[in-house]
């Protein structure tokens, strides 16, 4: 994954990256989970999905995993897969 500083800041401003850690100098420190989210963002972006829809998908996933058993599939997956198919 080769993302520019500008892209990372943009994703942060758009709310796609929540709770990214920072060091004493203010530099972002990305955890394994942050890297997985970035990978997901890149995959969805490559399908042509708009940033607003990517944000909505990430928000739904976070809400679902906070309120449900994380082993259960998300109820939003079929809708998202349909939208991805439409972009392809």
Protein backbone atom coordinates (compact mmCIF):
# COMPACT_ATOMS: atom_id res chain seq x y z
CA UNK A 1 0.00 0.00 0.00
CA UNK A 2 1.54 3.25 -1.11
CA UNK A 3 -0.48 6.21 0.20
CA UNK A 4 0.67 9.79 0.32
CA UNK A 5 0.60 11.94 3.43
CA UNK A 6 -2.03 14.06 1.71
CA UNK A 7 -4.26 10.99 1.18
CA UNK A 8 -3.89 9.88 4.80
CA UNK A 9 -4.78 13.37 6.04
CA UNK A 10 -7.77 13.45 3.69
CA UNK A 11 -9.04 10.09 4.95
CA UNK A 12 -8.57 11.33 8.51
CA UNK A 13 -10.50 14.56 7.80
CA UNK A 14 -13.31 12.58 6.18
CA UNK A 15 -13.60 10.41 9.30
CA UNK A 16 -12.42 7.18 7.69
CA UNK A 17 -9.64 6.71 10.22
CA UNK A 18 -10.86 6.78 13.79
CA UNK A 19 -8.60 6.85 16.80
CA UNK A 20 -5.27 6.66 15.00
CA UNK A 21 -2.57 6.93 17.62
CA UNK A 22 0.08 9.63 17.64
CA UNK A 23 3.57 9.85 19.05
CA UNK A 24 4.91 12.75 21.14
CA UNK A 25 5.73 14.68 17.97
CA UNK A 26 2.19 14.31 16.63
CA UNK A 27 3.07 11.78 13.93
CA UNK A 28 0.45 9.14 13.26
CA UNK A 29 1.16 5.63 14.53
CA UNK A 30 -0.88 3.05 12.61
CA UNK A 31 -1.90 -0.16 14.37
CA UNK A 32 -2.61 -3.45 12.63
CA UNK A 33 -6.33 -2.58 12.72
CA UNK A 34 -5.64 0.82 11.16
CA UNK A 35 -3.70 -0.87 8.37
CA UNK A 36 -6.60 -3.27 7.75
CA UNK A 37 -9.01 -0.34 7.50
CA UNK A 38 -6.66 1.42 5.09
CA UNK A 39 -6.47 -1.72 2.99
CA UNK A 40 -10.27 -1.95 2.94
CA UNK A 41 -10.55 1.73 1.97
CA UNK A 42 -8.11 1.19 -0.91
CA UNK A 43 -10.00 -1.88 -2.15
CA UNK A 44 -13.35 -0.12 -2.05
CA UNK A 45 -11.89 3.02 -3.62
CA UNK A 46 -10.51 0.88 -6.47
CA UNK A 47 -14.07 -0.30 -7.21
CA UNK A 48 -15.09 3.31 -7.74
CA UNK A 49 -17.08 3.53 -4.52
CA UNK A 50 -17.33 7.18 -3.38
CA UNK A 51 -15.69 8.23 -0.11
CA UNK A 52 -19.08 8.99 1.50
CA UNK A 53 -20.24 5.42 0.85
CA UNK A 54 -16.94 4.00 2.11
CA UNK A 55 -17.39 6.03 5.30
CA UNK A 56 -20.94 4.75 5.67
CA UNK A 57 -19.77 1.15 5.18
CA UNK A 58 -17.01 1.54 7.79
CA UNK A 59 -19.46 3.18 10.24
CA UNK A 60 -21.95 0.33 9.77
CA UNK A 61 -19.24 -2.25 10.33
CA UNK A 62 -18.08 -0.53 13.52
CA UNK A 63 -21.65 -0.20 14.83
CA UNK A 64 -22.42 -3.82 14.04
CA UNK A 65 -19.27 -5.17 15.65
CA UNK A 66 -19.79 -3.09 18.79
CA UNK A 67 -23.36 -4.29 19.22
CA UNK A 68 -23.19 -7.87 17.93
CA UNK A 69 -21.15 -11.01 18.06
CA UNK A 70 -18.11 -10.23 15.86
CA UNK A 71 -18.26 -13.76 14.41
CA UNK A 72 -21.64 -13.10 12.78
CA UNK A 73 -21.63 -11.63 9.26
CA UNK A 74 -22.75 -8.05 8.86
CA UNK A 75 -26.31 -7.54 7.57
CA UNK A 76 -24.93 -4.74 5.37
CA UNK A 77 -22.62 -7.02 3.40
CA UNK A 78 -25.15 -8.00 0.67
CA UNK A 79 -26.00 -4.32 0.02
CA UNK A 80 -22.33 -3.39 -0.12
CA UNK A 81 -21.47 -6.28 -2.44
CA UNK A 82 -24.34 -5.21 -4.69
CA UNK A 83 -22.95 -1.68 -4.82
CA UNK A 84 -19.43 -2.95 -5.52
CA UNK A 85 -20.80 -5.13 -8.34
CA UNK A 86 -22.55 -2.08 -9.78
CA UNK A 87 -19.25 -0.18 -9.84
CA UNK A 88 -17.46 -2.99 -11.67
